[in-house]
Amino acid sequence: MITTDILIIGAGPTGLFAVFEAGLLKLKCHIIDALPQIGGQLSELYPKKPIFDIPGYPSVLAGDLVNNLMEQIKQFQPGFTLNEKAETIQKLEDGTFLVTTNKGTEHYAKAVAIAGGLGSFEPRKPIIEDIEFYEDKGVEYFVKDPELFRNKKIVIAGGGDSALDWSIFLADVASEVTLVHRRNEFRGALDSVEKVQELKKQGKIHLITPAEVTGIRGAEKVEELDLEIDGAHTTIKTDYFIPLFGLTPKLGAIANWGLEIEKNAIKVNNALDYQTNIEGIYAIGDINTYPGKLKLILCGFHEATLMCQSVFNKLNPGKKYVLKYTTVSGVDGFDGTRKEAEKQVVKAIE
Protein backbone atom coordinates (compact mmCIF):
# COMPACT_ATOMS: atom_id res chain seq x y z
CA MET A 1 0.00 0.00 0.00
CA ILE A 2 1.22 3.50 -0.89
CA THR A 3 1.02 5.93 2.02
CA THR A 4 1.11 9.72 1.73
CA ASP A 5 -0.17 12.94 3.27
CA ILE A 6 -2.00 14.25 0.20
CA LEU A 7 -3.10 11.97 -2.61
CA ILE A 8 -3.45 14.02 -5.78
CA ILE A 9 -5.60 12.62 -8.56
CA GLY A 10 -4.36 14.17 -11.79
CA ALA A 11 -0.82 14.91 -12.98
CA GLY A 12 -1.63 18.07 -14.91
CA PRO A 13 -0.10 21.47 -14.08
CA THR A 14 -2.40 22.11 -11.11
CA GLY A 15 -1.67 18.72 -9.55
CA LEU A 16 2.07 19.15 -10.08
CA PHE A 17 2.17 22.64 -8.56
CA ALA A 18 0.22 21.35 -5.55
CA VAL A 19 3.23 19.11 -4.81
CA PHE A 20 5.44 22.20 -4.51
CA GLU A 21 3.06 24.08 -2.21
CA ALA A 22 2.61 20.97 -0.07
CA GLY A 23 6.37 20.50 0.08
CA LEU A 24 6.82 23.98 1.53
CA LEU A 25 4.57 22.80 4.35
CA LYS A 26 6.50 19.52 4.76
CA LEU A 27 3.58 17.50 3.40
CA LYS A 28 4.31 14.46 1.23
CA CYS A 29 2.36 13.91 -2.01
CA HIS A 30 1.61 11.02 -4.34
CA ILE A 31 -0.08 11.45 -7.74
CA ILE A 32 -2.39 9.11 -9.66
CA ASP A 33 -3.05 9.69 -13.36
CA ALA A 34 -4.89 7.66 -15.98
CA LEU A 35 -2.46 8.71 -18.71
CA PRO A 36 0.90 6.96 -19.14
CA GLN A 37 2.85 10.21 -18.69
CA ILE A 38 2.66 13.32 -16.52
CA GLY A 39 1.35 16.66 -17.78
CA GLY A 40 -2.33 15.96 -18.48
CA GLN A 41 -3.72 17.83 -21.49
CA LEU A 42 -0.47 19.77 -21.88
CA SER A 43 1.52 16.63 -22.62
CA GLU A 44 -1.11 14.62 -24.45
CA LEU A 45 -2.86 17.21 -26.61
CA TYR A 46 -0.56 20.15 -27.32
CA PRO A 47 3.00 19.76 -25.93
CA LYS A 48 4.48 22.03 -28.59
CA LYS A 49 1.88 24.79 -28.47
CA PRO A 50 2.64 28.03 -26.60
CA ILE A 51 0.74 29.22 -23.53
CA PHE A 52 0.57 32.98 -23.11
CA ASP A 53 -1.06 33.54 -19.71
CA ILE A 54 1.46 32.04 -17.28
CA PRO A 55 2.82 34.84 -15.05
CA GLY A 56 6.44 35.65 -15.83
CA TYR A 57 6.39 33.83 -19.17
CA PRO A 58 5.41 35.94 -22.19
CA SER A 59 5.19 32.59 -23.96
CA VAL A 60 6.01 29.05 -22.82
CA LEU A 61 5.51 25.78 -24.67
CA ALA A 62 3.08 23.46 -22.88
CA GLY A 63 5.66 20.68 -22.76
CA ASP A 64 8.30 23.03 -21.36
CA LEU A 65 5.91 24.18 -18.62
CA VAL A 66 5.44 20.55 -17.58
CA ASN A 67 9.21 20.01 -17.55
CA ASN A 68 9.72 23.14 -15.45
CA LEU A 69 7.07 22.06 -12.96
CA MET A 70 8.74 18.66 -12.65
CA GLU A 71 12.09 20.35 -12.06
CA GLN A 72 10.48 22.56 -9.42
CA ILE A 73 8.98 19.66 -7.45
CA LYS A 74 11.69 17.01 -7.75
CA GLN A 75 13.23 18.16 -4.44
CA PHE A 76 9.99 17.09 -2.73
CA GLN A 77 10.20 13.57 -4.18
CA PRO A 78 6.55 12.90 -5.09
CA GLY A 79 5.43 9.40 -5.99
CA PHE A 80 3.53 8.55 -9.16
CA THR A 81 1.01 5.89 -10.13
CA LEU A 82 0.60 6.38 -13.88
CA ASN A 83 -1.60 4.65 -16.45
CA GLU A 84 -4.10 3.79 -13.72
CA LYS A 85 -7.48 5.32 -12.87
CA ALA A 86 -8.64 6.10 -9.33
CA GLU A 87 -11.59 3.72 -9.13
CA THR A 88 -12.92 3.61 -5.56
CA ILE A 89 -12.55 5.70 -2.42
CA GLN A 90 -13.27 4.70 1.15
CA LYS A 91 -13.32 7.15 4.06
CA LEU A 92 -12.01 5.38 7.14
CA GLU A 93 -13.20 5.90 10.70
CA ASP A 94 -10.28 8.19 11.53
CA GLY A 95 -11.12 10.50 8.62
CA THR A 96 -8.35 9.25 6.33
CA PHE A 97 -8.90 7.72 2.90
CA LEU A 98 -8.21 4.52 1.01
CA VAL A 99 -8.19 4.98 -2.77
CA THR A 100 -7.89 1.97 -5.07
CA THR A 101 -7.15 2.12 -8.80
CA ASN A 102 -8.61 0.06 -11.62
CA LYS A 103 -5.49 -2.12 -11.42
CA GLY A 104 -5.89 -2.76 -7.69
CA THR A 105 -3.14 -0.41 -6.43
CA GLU A 106 -4.10 0.84 -2.96
CA HIS A 107 -3.28 4.34 -1.71
CA TYR A 108 -3.70 5.48 1.88
CA ALA A 109 -3.88 9.26 2.39
CA LYS A 110 -4.78 11.82 5.02
CA ALA A 111 -6.38 14.06 2.39
CA VAL A 112 -7.36 13.73 -1.26
CA ALA A 113 -7.07 16.48 -3.88
CA ILE A 114 -8.83 15.84 -7.17
CA ALA A 115 -6.94 17.76 -9.84
CA GLY A 116 -8.22 15.83 -12.82
CA GLY A 117 -8.50 18.73 -15.24
CA LEU A 118 -11.55 18.04 -17.38
CA GLY A 119 -11.75 14.50 -15.99
CA SER A 120 -10.17 11.19 -16.86
CA PHE A 121 -9.27 11.08 -20.53
CA GLU A 122 -10.51 8.44 -22.91
CA PRO A 123 -9.30 8.24 -26.50
CA ARG A 124 -11.60 9.39 -29.25
CA LYS A 125 -12.08 6.22 -31.24
CA PRO A 126 -12.70 6.21 -34.99
CA ILE A 127 -15.98 4.68 -36.09
CA ILE A 128 -14.64 1.45 -37.57
CA GLU A 129 -16.43 -1.88 -37.41
CA ASP A 130 -14.93 -4.36 -34.87
CA ILE A 131 -12.22 -1.92 -33.75
CA GLU A 132 -12.72 -3.05 -30.13
CA PHE A 133 -11.76 -6.60 -31.11
CA TYR A 134 -8.37 -5.38 -32.30
CA GLU A 135 -7.58 -3.23 -29.25
CA ASP A 136 -4.28 -4.45 -27.78
CA LYS A 137 -4.03 -6.70 -30.84
CA GLY A 138 -2.51 -4.05 -33.06
CA VAL A 139 -4.77 -1.08 -32.32
CA GLU A 140 -3.11 1.30 -29.85
CA TYR A 141 -4.56 4.64 -28.78
CA PHE A 142 -1.44 5.70 -26.84
CA VAL A 143 2.26 5.26 -27.47
CA LYS A 144 3.17 3.93 -24.03
CA ASP A 145 6.35 2.13 -25.03
CA PRO A 146 7.92 3.09 -28.37
CA GLU A 147 9.94 -0.14 -28.36
CA LEU A 148 6.70 -2.01 -29.00
CA PHE A 149 6.95 -0.72 -32.56
CA ARG A 150 10.63 -1.48 -33.12
CA ASN A 151 11.10 -2.75 -36.70
CA LYS A 152 7.33 -2.96 -37.24
CA LYS A 153 5.06 -1.47 -39.88
CA ILE A 154 2.78 1.15 -38.34
CA VAL A 155 -0.03 3.38 -39.57
CA ILE A 156 -0.80 6.57 -37.64
CA ALA A 157 -4.06 8.42 -38.27
CA GLY A 158 -4.61 12.03 -37.25
CA GLY A 159 -3.75 15.60 -38.13
CA GLY A 160 -2.73 17.22 -34.84
CA ASP A 161 0.43 17.56 -32.78
CA SER A 162 0.29 14.02 -31.38
CA ALA A 163 0.03 12.40 -34.82
CA LEU A 164 2.84 14.56 -36.21
CA ASP A 165 5.17 14.21 -33.21
CA TRP A 166 4.82 10.44 -32.93
CA SER A 167 5.27 10.00 -36.69
CA ILE A 168 8.54 11.91 -36.41
CA PHE A 169 9.72 9.99 -33.34
CA LEU A 170 8.77 6.54 -34.61
CA ALA A 171 10.38 7.15 -38.02
CA ASP A 172 13.64 6.04 -36.38
CA VAL A 173 12.03 3.12 -34.54
CA ALA A 174 9.57 1.41 -36.88
CA SER A 175 10.52 -0.23 -40.14
CA GLU A 176 7.77 1.69 -41.92
CA VAL A 177 5.64 4.68 -40.82
CA THR A 178 2.52 5.72 -42.71
CA LEU A 179 0.64 8.88 -41.69
CA VAL A 180 -2.99 9.09 -42.80
CA HIS A 181 -5.07 12.26 -42.49
CA ARG A 182 -8.46 13.09 -43.94
CA ARG A 183 -7.26 16.53 -45.03
CA ASN A 184 -4.17 17.82 -46.78
CA GLU A 185 -3.67 20.44 -44.06
CA PHE A 186 -2.37 19.60 -40.57
CA ARG A 187 -3.23 21.44 -37.35
CA GLY A 188 0.11 21.24 -35.62
CA ALA A 189 3.27 23.12 -34.78
CA LEU A 190 4.92 24.49 -37.93
CA ASP A 191 8.28 22.88 -37.15
CA SER A 192 6.56 19.48 -36.78
CA VAL A 193 4.82 19.87 -40.14
CA GLU A 194 8.13 20.79 -41.76
CA LYS A 195 9.91 17.81 -40.16
CA VAL A 196 7.26 15.43 -41.49
CA GLN A 197 7.64 17.04 -44.92
CA GLU A 198 11.39 16.46 -44.80
CA LEU A 199 11.04 12.87 -43.59
CA LYS A 200 8.57 12.26 -46.40
CA LYS A 201 11.19 13.46 -48.90
CA GLN A 202 13.73 11.10 -47.30
CA GLY A 203 11.31 8.19 -47.63
CA LYS A 204 11.08 7.67 -43.85
CA ILE A 205 7.38 8.60 -43.65
CA HIS A 206 4.69 7.66 -46.15
CA LEU A 207 2.04 10.38 -46.21
CA ILE A 208 -1.47 9.58 -47.45
CA THR A 209 -3.87 12.55 -47.71
CA PRO A 210 -6.74 13.16 -48.02
CA ALA A 211 -7.59 9.70 -46.78
CA GLU A 212 -9.39 7.82 -44.04
CA VAL A 213 -9.03 4.38 -42.48
CA THR A 214 -12.39 2.65 -42.97
CA GLY A 215 -11.75 -0.95 -41.94
CA ILE A 216 -9.42 -3.37 -40.18
CA ARG A 217 -8.55 -6.87 -41.37
CA GLY A 218 -6.87 -9.78 -39.60
CA ALA A 219 -7.85 -13.11 -38.07
CA GLU A 220 -6.28 -12.69 -34.63
CA LYS A 221 -4.58 -9.28 -34.87
CA VAL A 222 -4.25 -6.30 -37.19
CA GLU A 223 -2.82 -7.35 -40.56
CA GLU A 224 -4.32 -4.91 -43.07
CA LEU A 225 -6.25 -1.63 -43.14
CA ASP A 226 -8.90 -0.52 -45.61
CA LEU A 227 -8.38 3.05 -46.80
CA GLU A 228 -10.57 5.45 -48.70
CA ILE A 229 -8.31 7.83 -50.63
CA ASP A 230 -10.10 10.71 -52.32
CA GLY A 231 -13.07 8.47 -53.15
CA ALA A 232 -11.00 5.44 -54.16
CA HIS A 233 -10.53 2.31 -52.04
CA THR A 234 -7.31 0.41 -51.28
CA THR A 235 -5.74 -1.87 -48.69
CA ILE A 236 -2.35 -1.59 -46.98
CA LYS A 237 -0.51 -4.08 -44.79
CA THR A 238 0.53 -3.07 -41.27
CA ASP A 239 1.40 -4.47 -37.86
CA TYR A 240 -0.08 -1.60 -35.82
CA PHE A 241 -2.79 1.01 -36.26
CA ILE A 242 -2.46 4.09 -34.02
CA PRO A 243 -5.45 6.46 -34.28
CA LEU A 244 -4.59 9.76 -32.57
CA PHE A 245 -7.77 11.83 -32.64
CA GLY A 246 -7.49 13.44 -29.23
CA LEU A 247 -9.07 12.60 -25.91
CA THR A 248 -12.59 12.81 -24.50
CA PRO A 249 -12.79 14.06 -20.89
CA LYS A 250 -15.08 12.27 -18.44
CA LEU A 251 -15.40 12.29 -14.67
CA GLY A 252 -15.34 8.50 -14.78
CA ALA A 253 -15.52 6.67 -11.45
CA ILE A 254 -15.13 9.94 -9.51
CA ALA A 255 -18.76 10.69 -10.41
CA ASN A 256 -19.77 7.79 -8.13
CA TRP A 257 -17.91 8.98 -5.02
CA GLY A 258 -20.83 10.87 -3.49
CA LEU A 259 -19.47 14.28 -4.44
CA GLU A 260 -21.79 17.11 -5.36
CA ILE A 261 -21.66 17.41 -9.16
CA GLU A 262 -22.85 20.30 -11.31
CA LYS A 263 -22.59 20.18 -15.12
CA ASN A 264 -19.88 17.49 -15.08
CA ALA A 265 -17.78 19.42 -12.53
CA ILE A 266 -17.29 19.06 -8.78
CA LYS A 267 -18.79 21.78 -6.58
CA VAL A 268 -16.40 23.21 -3.99
CA ASN A 269 -16.29 25.84 -1.27
CA ASN A 270 -14.32 28.59 -2.96
CA ALA A 271 -14.84 30.99 -0.06
CA LEU A 272 -12.36 28.99 2.02
CA ASP A 273 -10.29 26.10 0.67
CA TYR A 274 -11.87 24.38 -2.37
CA GLN A 275 -13.11 21.49 -0.26
CA THR A 276 -15.96 19.36 -1.59
CA ASN A 277 -19.08 18.30 0.31
CA ILE A 278 -16.99 15.46 1.78
CA GLU A 279 -14.56 16.72 4.41
CA GLY A 280 -10.98 15.92 3.50
CA ILE A 281 -11.63 15.70 -0.25
CA TYR A 282 -10.74 18.77 -2.30
CA ALA A 283 -11.13 19.58 -6.00
CA ILE A 284 -8.76 22.03 -7.69
CA GLY A 285 -8.25 23.18 -11.25
CA ASP A 286 -10.56 22.72 -14.20
CA ILE A 287 -12.46 19.84 -12.59
CA ASN A 288 -14.14 22.05 -9.97
CA THR A 289 -16.90 24.63 -10.19
CA TYR A 290 -18.02 27.58 -8.08
CA PRO A 291 -19.52 31.04 -8.74
CA GLY A 292 -17.13 33.01 -10.95
CA LYS A 293 -15.00 29.97 -11.84
CA LEU A 294 -12.41 30.51 -14.60
CA LYS A 295 -10.74 27.47 -16.19
CA LEU A 296 -7.20 28.87 -16.27
CA ILE A 297 -3.94 27.25 -15.19
CA LEU A 298 -3.03 30.21 -12.99
CA CYS A 299 -6.38 29.87 -11.17
CA GLY A 300 -5.57 26.21 -10.54
CA PHE A 301 -2.22 27.23 -9.03
CA HIS A 302 -4.04 29.58 -6.62
CA GLU A 303 -6.55 26.88 -5.66
CA ALA A 304 -3.76 24.37 -5.06
CA THR A 305 -2.02 26.79 -2.70
CA LEU A 306 -5.09 27.37 -0.52
CA MET A 307 -5.90 23.64 -0.55
CA CYS A 308 -2.46 22.80 0.84
CA GLN A 309 -2.81 25.42 3.59
CA SER A 310 -6.15 23.89 4.56
CA VAL A 311 -4.71 20.36 4.72
CA PHE A 312 -1.81 21.59 6.86
CA ASN A 313 -4.20 23.19 9.34
CA LYS A 314 -6.35 20.04 9.52
CA LEU A 315 -3.35 17.79 10.09
CA ASN A 316 -1.76 20.16 12.60
CA PRO A 317 -4.59 21.49 14.80
CA GLY A 318 -3.45 24.25 17.10
CA LYS A 319 -0.12 24.65 15.31
CA LYS A 320 0.23 28.08 13.83
CA TYR A 321 1.88 28.32 10.46
CA VAL A 322 3.52 31.63 9.71
CA LEU A 323 3.60 32.21 5.97
CA LYS A 324 7.02 33.35 4.80
CA TYR A 325 8.08 34.44 1.36
CA THR A 326 10.42 31.92 -0.23
CA THR A 327 12.76 34.83 -0.98
CA VAL A 328 13.26 35.11 2.78
CA SER A 329 12.81 31.56 4.06
CA GLY A 330 14.31 29.67 1.12
CA VAL A 331 13.17 26.17 0.16
CA ASP A 332 14.19 22.98 2.00
CA GLY A 333 13.69 19.91 -0.18
CA PHE A 334 12.92 16.44 1.14
CA ASP A 335 16.07 15.31 -0.64
CA GLY A 336 18.26 17.40 1.65
CA THR A 337 18.76 20.26 -0.77
CA ARG A 338 18.56 23.86 0.35
CA LYS A 339 17.69 26.74 -1.94
CA GLU A 340 17.95 30.26 -0.63
CA ALA A 341 18.75 33.77 -1.75
CA GLU A 342 22.31 34.97 -1.61
CA LYS A 343 23.27 36.43 1.77
CA GLN A 344 23.41 40.18 2.06
CA VAL A 345 26.89 41.58 2.32
CA VAL A 346 27.56 44.16 5.00
CA LYS A 347 30.48 46.25 3.88
CA ALA A 348 31.46 49.82 4.32
CA ILE A 349 31.85 52.01 1.30
CA GLU A 350 35.03 54.04 1.56
Foldseek 3Di string as FASTA:
>chain_A
DAEFAEEEEAQALLSLLLLLLLQQVVGAYEYEAQALDGHACLVQPFQQDWDCPDPPDNIDGSVVSSVVSCVSNVLQPYHYHYNWHFFAWDQDPVRWIWTATPVGDIYTYNFYEYAHALAHWDADDDPAPPVVLAVVQFEDQDPNDLLVQAQWFEEEEDQEAVSLVVLLVCLVGYVAYEYEYLAPHGHYDPVSVVSVVVCVVVVSYHYAPNKDFHYADDDRHGFKTWMQGPNDIDIDGGRHYHYHYDIDHANPNVVVHPWDDDPRAGEADPVAQQATPRPRYHYAANRHDDPPDDRDSVRSSVNSNRNSVVSSCVVDPPDDDDDDDCQPVFRQGPNRDTGYDDDDDDDDDD
